[in-house]
PDB file of N, CA and C in Angstrom:
ATOM      1  N   MET A   1     120.210  19.707 -11.828  1.00  0.00           N
ATOM      2  CA  MET A   1     119.642  21.266 -11.569  1.00  0.00           C
ATOM      3  C   MET A   1     118.549  21.278 -12.850  1.00  0.00           C
ATOM      4  N   ASN A   2     118.854  20.659 -14.059  1.00  0.00           N
ATOM      5  CA  ASN A   2     118.231  21.195 -15.173  1.00  0.00           C
ATOM      6  C   ASN A   2     116.889  20.121 -15.072  1.00  0.00           C
ATOM      7  N   LYS A   3     116.739  18.943 -14.347  1.00  0.00           N
ATOM      8  CA  LYS A   3     115.495  18.589 -14.370  1.00  0.00           C
ATOM      9  C   LYS A   3     114.563  19.144 -13.181  1.00  0.00           C
ATOM     10  N   LEU A   4     115.317  19.760 -12.218  1.00  0.00           N
ATOM     11  CA  LEU A   4     114.455  20.546 -11.291  1.00  0.00           C
ATOM     12  C   LEU A   4     113.698  21.717 -11.661  1.00  0.00           C
ATOM     13  N   MET A   5     114.493  22.204 -12.725  1.00  0.00           N
ATOM     14  CA  MET A   5     113.951  23.403 -13.312  1.00  0.00           C
ATOM     15  C   MET A   5     113.121  22.841 -14.382  1.00  0.00           C
ATOM     16  N   GLU A   6     112.965  21.961 -15.051  1.00  0.00           N
ATOM     17  CA  GLU A   6     111.890  21.289 -15.788  1.00  0.00           C
ATOM     18  C   GLU A   6     110.661  21.193 -15.137  1.00  0.00           C
ATOM     19  N   LYS A   7     110.827  20.769 -13.816  1.00  0.00           N
ATOM     20  CA  LYS A   7     109.653  20.291 -13.118  1.00  0.00           C
ATOM     21  C   LYS A   7     109.192  21.533 -12.642  1.00  0.00           C
ATOM     22  N   MET A   8     109.824  22.486 -12.162  1.00  0.00           N
ATOM     23  CA  MET A   8     109.383  23.715 -11.656  1.00  0.00           C
ATOM     24  C   MET A   8     108.764  24.484 -12.899  1.00  0.00           C
ATOM     25  N   MET A   9     108.992  24.543 -14.056  1.00  0.00           N
ATOM     26  CA  MET A   9     108.504  25.175 -15.155  1.00  0.00           C
ATOM     27  C   MET A   9     107.137  24.432 -15.514  1.00  0.00           C
ATOM     28  N   SER A  10     107.246  23.079 -15.576  1.00  0.00           N
ATOM     29  CA  SER A  10     106.037  22.442 -16.105  1.00  0.00           C
ATOM     30  C   SER A  10     104.763  22.367 -15.047  1.00  0.00           C
ATOM     31  N   GLY A  11     105.108  22.869 -13.932  1.00  0.00           N
ATOM     32  CA  GLY A  11     104.147  22.973 -13.017  1.00  0.00           C
ATOM     33  C   GLY A  11     103.859  21.541 -12.033  1.00  0.00           C
ATOM     34  N   MET A  12     105.008  20.715 -12.311  1.00  0.00           N
ATOM     35  CA  MET A  12     104.863  19.312 -11.767  1.00  0.00           C
ATOM     36  C   MET A  12     105.151  19.479 -10.171  1.00  0.00           C
ATOM     37  N   MET A  13     106.030  20.345 -10.033  1.00  0.00           N
ATOM     38  CA  MET A  13     106.481  20.539  -8.421  1.00  0.00           C
ATOM     39  C   MET A  13     105.673  21.201  -7.535  1.00  0.00           C
ATOM     40  N   LYS A  14     105.476  20.817  -6.426  1.00  0.00           N
ATOM     41  CA  LYS A  14     104.321  21.459  -5.414  1.00  0.00           C
ATOM     42  C   LYS A  14     104.981  22.304  -4.710  1.00  0.00           C
ATOM     43  N   PRO A  15     104.514  23.575  -4.209  1.00  0.00           N
ATOM     44  CA  PRO A  15     104.999  24.669  -3.578  1.00  0.00           C
ATOM     45  C   PRO A  15     105.885  24.181  -2.051  1.00  0.00           C
ATOM     46  N   GLU A  16     105.120  23.087  -1.818  1.00  0.00           N
ATOM     47  CA  GLU A  16     106.229  22.986  -0.552  1.00  0.00           C
ATOM     48  C   GLU A  16     107.420  22.250  -0.729  1.00  0.00           C
ATOM     49  N   ASP A  17     107.631  21.742  -1.934  1.00  0.00           N
ATOM     50  CA  ASP A  17     108.671  21.057  -2.266  1.00  0.00           C
ATOM     51  C   ASP A  17     109.995  22.165  -2.965  1.00  0.00           C
ATOM     52  N   MET A  18     109.549  23.305  -3.100  1.00  0.00           N
ATOM     53  CA  MET A  18     110.554  24.582  -3.537  1.00  0.00           C
ATOM     54  C   MET A  18     111.402  24.808  -2.367  1.00  0.00           C
ATOM     55  N   PRO A  19     111.199  24.922  -1.127  1.00  0.00           N
ATOM     56  CA  PRO A  19     112.270  25.310  -0.278  1.00  0.00           C
ATOM     57  C   PRO A  19     113.635  24.302  -0.600  1.00  0.00           C
ATOM     58  N   GLN A  20     113.316  22.856  -0.523  1.00  0.00           N
ATOM     59  CA  GLN A  20     114.356  21.925  -0.911  1.00  0.00           C
ATOM     60  C   GLN A  20     115.005  22.365  -2.041  1.00  0.00           C
ATOM     61  N   MET A  21     114.383  22.414  -3.227  1.00  0.00           N
ATOM     62  CA  MET A  21     114.820  22.618  -4.395  1.00  0.00           C
ATOM     63  C   MET A  21     115.771  23.751  -4.455  1.00  0.00           C
ATOM     64  N   MET A  22     115.310  24.862  -3.743  1.00  0.00           N
ATOM     65  CA  MET A  22     116.126  25.958  -4.025  1.00  0.00           C
ATOM     66  C   MET A  22     117.446  25.734  -3.136  1.00  0.00           C
ATOM     67  N   ASP A  23     117.338  24.996  -1.958  1.00  0.00           N
ATOM     68  CA  ASP A  23     118.327  25.062  -0.946  1.00  0.00           C
ATOM     69  C   ASP A  23     119.575  23.904  -1.983  1.00  0.00           C
ATOM     70  N   THR A  24     119.255  23.090  -2.834  1.00  0.00           N
ATOM     71  CA  THR A  24     119.929  22.273  -3.393  1.00  0.00           C
ATOM     72  C   THR A  24     120.394  23.098  -4.703  1.00  0.00           C
ATOM     73  N   MET A  25     119.797  24.044  -5.313  1.00  0.00           N
ATOM     74  CA  MET A  25     120.200  24.864  -6.457  1.00  0.00           C
ATOM     75  C   MET A  25     121.419  25.830  -6.114  1.00  0.00           C
ATOM     76  N   MET A  26     121.282  26.161  -4.726  1.00  0.00           N
ATOM     77  CA  MET A  26     122.020  27.161  -3.961  1.00  0.00           C
ATOM     78  C   MET A  26     123.166  26.856  -3.835  1.00  0.00           C
ATOM     79  N   GLU A  27     123.243  25.682  -3.093  1.00  0.00           N
ATOM     80  CA  GLU A  27     124.308  24.797  -2.418  1.00  0.00           C
ATOM     81  C   GLU A  27     125.211  24.394  -3.938  1.00  0.00           C
ATOM     82  N   LYS A  28     124.703  24.026  -5.153  1.00  0.00           N
ATOM     83  CA  LYS A  28     125.649  23.835  -6.199  1.00  0.00           C
ATOM     84  C   LYS A  28     126.137  24.785  -6.935  1.00  0.00           C
ATOM     85  N   MET A  29     125.113  26.167  -6.750  1.00  0.00           N
ATOM     86  CA  MET A  29     125.612  27.064  -7.516  1.00  0.00           C
ATOM     87  C   MET A  29     126.912  27.865  -6.702  1.00  0.00           C
ATOM     88  N   PHE A  30     126.542  28.153  -5.501  1.00  0.00           N
ATOM     89  CA  PHE A  30     127.589  28.667  -4.574  1.00  0.00           C
ATOM     90  C   PHE A  30     128.831  27.766  -4.614  1.00  0.00           C
ATOM     91  N   GLY A  31     128.769  26.357  -4.313  1.00  0.00           N
ATOM     92  CA  GLY A  31     129.786  25.435  -4.289  1.00  0.00           C
ATOM     93  C   GLY A  31     130.980  25.707  -5.638  1.00  0.00           C
ATOM     94  N   GLN A  32     130.382  26.084  -6.783  1.00  0.00           N
ATOM     95  CA  GLN A  32     131.322  25.979  -7.421  1.00  0.00           C
ATOM     96  C   GLN A  32     131.977  27.482  -8.174  1.00  0.00           C
ATOM     97  N   MET A  33     131.653  28.436  -7.165  1.00  0.00           N
ATOM     98  CA  MET A  33     132.112  29.628  -7.155  1.00  0.00           C
ATOM     99  C   MET A  33     133.302  30.069  -6.614  1.00  0.00           C
ATOM    100  N   SER A  34     134.055  30.642  -6.979  1.00  0.00           N
ATOM    101  CA  SER A  34     135.095  31.154  -6.154  1.00  0.00           C
ATOM    102  C   SER A  34     134.616  32.304  -5.115  1.00  0.00           C
ATOM    103  N   ALA A  35     135.547  32.649  -4.398  1.00  0.00           N
ATOM    104  CA  ALA A  35     134.991  33.694  -3.367  1.00  0.00           C
ATOM    105  C   ALA A  35     134.639  35.118  -3.726  1.00  0.00           C
ATOM    106  N   GLU A  36     135.459  35.150  -4.987  1.00  0.00           N
ATOM    107  CA  GLU A  36     135.124  36.658  -5.822  1.00  0.00           C
ATOM    108  C   GLU A  36     133.944  36.544  -6.370  1.00  0.00           C
ATOM    109  N   ASP A  37     133.720  35.402  -6.941  1.00  0.00           N
ATOM    110  CA  ASP A  37     132.459  35.085  -7.995  1.00  0.00           C
ATOM    111  C   ASP A  37     131.083  35.375  -6.916  1.00  0.00           C
ATOM    112  N   ARG A  38     131.395  34.816  -5.661  1.00  0.00           N
ATOM    113  CA  ARG A  38     130.233  34.643  -4.785  1.00  0.00           C
ATOM    114  C   ARG A  38     129.968  36.240  -4.346  1.00  0.00           C
ATOM    115  N   MET A  39     131.132  37.044  -4.215  1.00  0.00           N
ATOM    116  CA  MET A  39     130.947  38.285  -3.651  1.00  0.00           C
ATOM    117  C   MET A  39     130.264  39.242  -4.764  1.00  0.00           C
ATOM    118  N   ALA A  40     130.818  39.125  -5.822  1.00  0.00           N
ATOM    119  CA  ALA A  40     130.098  39.714  -7.157  1.00  0.00           C
ATOM    120  C   ALA A  40     128.542  39.359  -7.169  1.00  0.00           C
ATOM    121  N   PHE A  41     128.350  38.114  -7.311  1.00  0.00           N
ATOM    122  CA  PHE A  41     126.852  37.462  -7.593  1.00  0.00           C
ATOM    123  C   PHE A  41     126.219  38.260  -6.301  1.00  0.00           C
ATOM    124  N   VAL A  42     126.251  38.172  -5.139  1.00  0.00           N
ATOM    125  CA  VAL A  42     125.716  38.792  -3.989  1.00  0.00           C
ATOM    126  C   VAL A  42     125.688  40.399  -4.038  1.00  0.00           C
ATOM    127  N   GLY A  43     126.498  40.898  -4.315  1.00  0.00           N
ATOM    128  CA  GLY A  43     126.652  42.396  -4.685  1.00  0.00           C
ATOM    129  C   GLY A  43     125.871  42.694  -6.009  1.00  0.00           C
ATOM    130  N   ALA A  44     125.432  42.135  -7.235  1.00  0.00           N
ATOM    131  CA  ALA A  44     124.738  42.504  -7.975  1.00  0.00           C
ATOM    132  C   ALA A  44     123.277  42.010  -7.975  1.00  0.00           C
ATOM    133  N   MET A  45     123.194  40.512  -7.471  1.00  0.00           N
ATOM    134  CA  MET A  45     121.832  39.994  -7.245  1.00  0.00           C
ATOM    135  C   MET A  45     121.165  40.511  -6.027  1.00  0.00           C
ATOM    136  N   MET A  46     121.626  40.633  -4.839  1.00  0.00           N
ATOM    137  CA  MET A  46     120.925  40.907  -3.667  1.00  0.00           C
ATOM    138  C   MET A  46     119.938  42.324  -4.050  1.00  0.00           C
ATOM    139  N   PRO A  47     120.056  43.377  -4.511  1.00  0.00           N
ATOM    140  CA  PRO A  47     119.465  44.691  -4.546  1.00  0.00           C
ATOM    141  C   PRO A  47     118.087  44.059  -5.498  1.00  0.00           C
ATOM    142  N   LYS A  48     118.519  43.274  -6.799  1.00  0.00           N
ATOM    143  CA  LYS A  48     117.484  42.808  -7.475  1.00  0.00           C
ATOM    144  C   LYS A  48     116.588  41.986  -6.944  1.00  0.00           C
ATOM    145  N   CYS A  49     117.177  40.974  -6.046  1.00  0.00           N
ATOM    146  CA  CYS A  49     116.319  40.321  -5.508  1.00  0.00           C
ATOM    147  C   CYS A  49     115.528  40.890  -4.294  1.00  0.00           C
ATOM    148  N   LEU A  50     115.788  41.875  -3.558  1.00  0.00           N
ATOM    149  CA  LEU A  50     115.175  42.515  -2.636  1.00  0.00           C
ATOM    150  C   LEU A  50     114.177  43.359  -3.366  1.00  0.00           C
ATOM    151  N   ASN A  51     114.392  44.165  -4.229  1.00  0.00           N
ATOM    152  CA  ASN A  51     113.359  44.570  -4.949  1.00  0.00           C
ATOM    153  C   ASN A  51     112.372  43.829  -5.394  1.00  0.00           C
ATOM    154  N   MET A  52     112.505  42.720  -5.940  1.00  0.00           N
ATOM    155  CA  MET A  52     111.262  41.796  -6.231  1.00  0.00           C
ATOM    156  C   MET A  52     110.451  41.268  -5.119  1.00  0.00           C
ATOM    157  N   ILE A  53     111.293  40.951  -4.135  1.00  0.00           N
ATOM    158  CA  ILE A  53     110.690  40.308  -2.885  1.00  0.00           C
ATOM    159  C   ILE A  53     109.746  41.709  -2.071  1.00  0.00           C
ATOM    160  N   PHE A  54     110.248  42.770  -2.084  1.00  0.00           N
ATOM    161  CA  PHE A  54     109.445  43.703  -1.129  1.00  0.00           C
ATOM    162  C   PHE A  54     108.580  44.641  -2.402  1.00  0.00           C
ATOM    163  N   SER A  55     108.293  44.244  -3.604  1.00  0.00           N
ATOM    164  CA  SER A  55     107.513  45.036  -4.697  1.00  0.00           C
ATOM    165  C   SER A  55     106.154  44.891  -4.286  1.00  0.00           C
ATOM    166  N   GLU A  56     105.712  43.790  -4.068  1.00  0.00           N
ATOM    167  CA  GLU A  56     104.345  43.398  -3.686  1.00  0.00           C
ATOM    168  C   GLU A  56     103.850  43.517  -2.322  1.00  0.00           C
ATOM    169  N   LEU A  57     104.438  43.933  -1.403  1.00  0.00           N
ATOM    170  CA  LEU A  57     104.159  43.873   0.141  1.00  0.00           C
ATOM    171  C   LEU A  57     103.732  45.249   0.115  1.00  0.00           C
ATOM    172  N   ASP A  58     102.870  45.011   1.482  1.00  0.00           N
ATOM    173  CA  ASP A  58     101.994  46.450   1.904  1.00  0.00           C
ATOM    174  C   ASP A  58     103.047  46.919   2.635  1.00  0.00           C
ATOM    175  N   SER A  59     103.158  47.885   3.389  1.00  0.00           N
ATOM    176  CA  SER A  59     103.986  48.730   4.299  1.00  0.00           C
ATOM    177  C   SER A  59     104.459  48.053   5.707  1.00  0.00           C
ATOM    178  N   GLU A  60     103.369  47.454   6.179  1.00  0.00           N
ATOM    179  CA  GLU A  60     103.507  46.634   7.292  1.00  0.00           C
ATOM    180  C   GLU A  60     104.227  45.522   7.105  1.00  0.00           C
ATOM    181  N   SER A  61     104.073  44.706   6.163  1.00  0.00           N
ATOM    182  CA  SER A  61     104.634  43.543   5.660  1.00  0.00           C
ATOM    183  C   SER A  61     105.924  43.707   5.495  1.00  0.00           C
ATOM    184  N   LYS A  62     106.451  44.900   4.751  1.00  0.00           N
ATOM    185  CA  LYS A  62     107.582  45.253   4.339  1.00  0.00           C
ATOM    186  C   LYS A  62     108.668  45.678   5.623  1.00  0.00           C
ATOM    187  N   GLU A  63     108.096  46.292   6.292  1.00  0.00           N
ATOM    188  CA  GLU A  63     108.635  46.447   7.522  1.00  0.00           C
ATOM    189  C   GLU A  63     108.837  45.330   8.472  1.00  0.00           C
ATOM    190  N   LYS A  64     108.050  44.455   8.596  1.00  0.00           N
ATOM    191  CA  LYS A  64     108.347  43.148   9.359  1.00  0.00           C
ATOM    192  C   LYS A  64     109.201  42.264   8.946  1.00  0.00           C
ATOM    193  N   LEU A  65     109.085  42.170   7.407  1.00  0.00           N
ATOM    194  CA  LEU A  65     109.928  41.376   6.910  1.00  0.00           C
ATOM    195  C   LEU A  65     111.596  42.148   7.017  1.00  0.00           C
ATOM    196  N   ALA A  66     111.734  43.215   6.703  1.00  0.00           N
ATOM    197  CA  ALA A  66     112.722  43.749   6.881  1.00  0.00           C
ATOM    198  C   ALA A  66     113.456  43.855   8.212  1.00  0.00           C
ATOM    199  N   ARG A  67     112.830  44.098   9.252  1.00  0.00           N
ATOM    200  CA  ARG A  67     113.156  43.560  10.537  1.00  0.00           C
ATOM    201  C   ARG A  67     113.826  42.051  10.762  1.00  0.00           C
ATOM    202  N   GLU A  68     113.091  41.085  10.194  1.00  0.00           N
ATOM    203  CA  GLU A  68     113.603  39.643  10.357  1.00  0.00           C
ATOM    204  C   GLU A  68     114.729  39.531   9.682  1.00  0.00           C
ATOM    205  N   MET A  69     114.726  40.054   8.391  1.00  0.00           N
ATOM    206  CA  MET A  69     115.981  39.960   7.658  1.00  0.00           C
ATOM    207  C   MET A  69     116.893  40.679   8.308  1.00  0.00           C
ATOM    208  N   MET A  70     117.011  41.876   8.835  1.00  0.00           N
ATOM    209  CA  MET A  70     118.302  42.709   9.595  1.00  0.00           C
ATOM    210  C   MET A  70     118.559  41.797  10.696  1.00  0.00           C
ATOM    211  N   GLU A  71     117.654  41.209  11.365  1.00  0.00           N
ATOM    212  CA  GLU A  71     117.946  40.609  12.763  1.00  0.00           C
ATOM    213  C   GLU A  71     118.985  39.222  12.342  1.00  0.00           C
ATOM    214  N   LYS A  72     118.519  38.495  11.244  1.00  0.00           N
ATOM    215  CA  LYS A  72     119.108  37.240  10.733  1.00  0.00           C
ATOM    216  C   LYS A  72     120.526  37.806  10.223  1.00  0.00           C
ATOM    217  N   MET A  73     120.805  38.693   9.626  1.00  0.00           N
ATOM    218  CA  MET A  73     122.002  39.268   9.119  1.00  0.00           C
ATOM    219  C   MET A  73     122.871  39.632  10.006  1.00  0.00           C
ATOM    220  N   MET A  74     122.477  40.504  10.965  1.00  0.00           N
ATOM    221  CA  MET A  74     123.219  40.815  12.323  1.00  0.00           C
ATOM    222  C   MET A  74     123.750  39.562  13.202  1.00  0.00           C
ATOM    223  N   GLY A  75     122.822  38.442  12.840  1.00  0.00           N
ATOM    224  CA  GLY A  75     123.305  37.215  13.585  1.00  0.00           C
ATOM    225  C   GLY A  75     124.649  36.602  13.202  1.00  0.00           C
ATOM    226  N   ILE A  76     124.434  36.552  11.555  1.00  0.00           N
ATOM    227  CA  ILE A  76     125.320  36.308  10.905  1.00  0.00           C
ATOM    228  C   ILE A  76     126.531  36.802  11.002  1.00  0.00           C
ATOM    229  N   PHE A  77     126.831  38.151  10.702  1.00  0.00           N
ATOM    230  CA  PHE A  77     127.590  39.158  10.769  1.00  0.00           C
ATOM    231  C   PHE A  77     128.424  39.038  12.181  1.00  0.00           C
ATOM    232  N   SER A  78     127.585  38.906  13.578  1.00  0.00           N
ATOM    233  CA  SER A  78     128.448  38.796  14.696  1.00  0.00           C
ATOM    234  C   SER A  78     128.924  37.536  14.769  1.00  0.00           C
ATOM    235  N   ASN A  79     128.406  36.466  13.993  1.00  0.00           N
ATOM    236  CA  ASN A  79     129.030  35.143  14.161  1.00  0.00           C
ATOM    237  C   ASN A  79     130.718  35.085  13.553  1.00  0.00           C
ATOM    238  N   LEU A  80     130.493  36.006  12.266  1.00  0.00           N
ATOM    239  CA  LEU A  80     131.610  35.973  11.399  1.00  0.00           C
ATOM    240  C   LEU A  80     132.578  36.936  12.341  1.00  0.00           C
ATOM    241  N   ALA A  81     132.133  38.029  13.102  1.00  0.00           N
ATOM    242  CA  ALA A  81     133.305  38.601  13.787  1.00  0.00           C
ATOM    243  C   ALA A  81     133.815  37.797  14.764  1.00  0.00           C
ATOM    244  N   GLY A  82     133.039  37.022  15.418  1.00  0.00           N
ATOM    245  CA  GLY A  82     133.642  36.265  16.413  1.00  0.00           C
ATOM    246  C   GLY A  82     134.442  35.096  15.865  1.00  0.00           C
ATOM    247  N   GLU A  83     134.795  34.887  14.765  1.00  0.00           N
ATOM    248  CA  GLU A  83     135.600  33.626  13.916  1.00  0.00           C
ATOM    249  C   GLU A  83     136.830  34.280  13.978  1.00  0.00           C
ATOM    250  N   LYS A  84     137.141  35.504  13.936  1.00  0.00           N
ATOM    251  CA  LYS A  84     138.575  36.357  13.849  1.00  0.00           C
ATOM    252  C   LYS A  84     139.473  36.092  14.952  1.00  0.00           C
TER     253      LYS A  84
END
């Protein structure tokens, strides 16, 4: 992960490589966390991340992204509810 971060910070990483790098980082990070740690992380970081994501968007883009995110989250929650 350190090498990935070094590449990213030095500008050597292409923008199209970012999604794969982020997936790898997230898998490693969450894979090492307990359930309680994951819940605390999401509770603390989700508002910060969302504020950063939405901060530079115009109203139309904010609404479009919010709708897409809500649909995806509802799909996830529906699947989780079906697992019980």
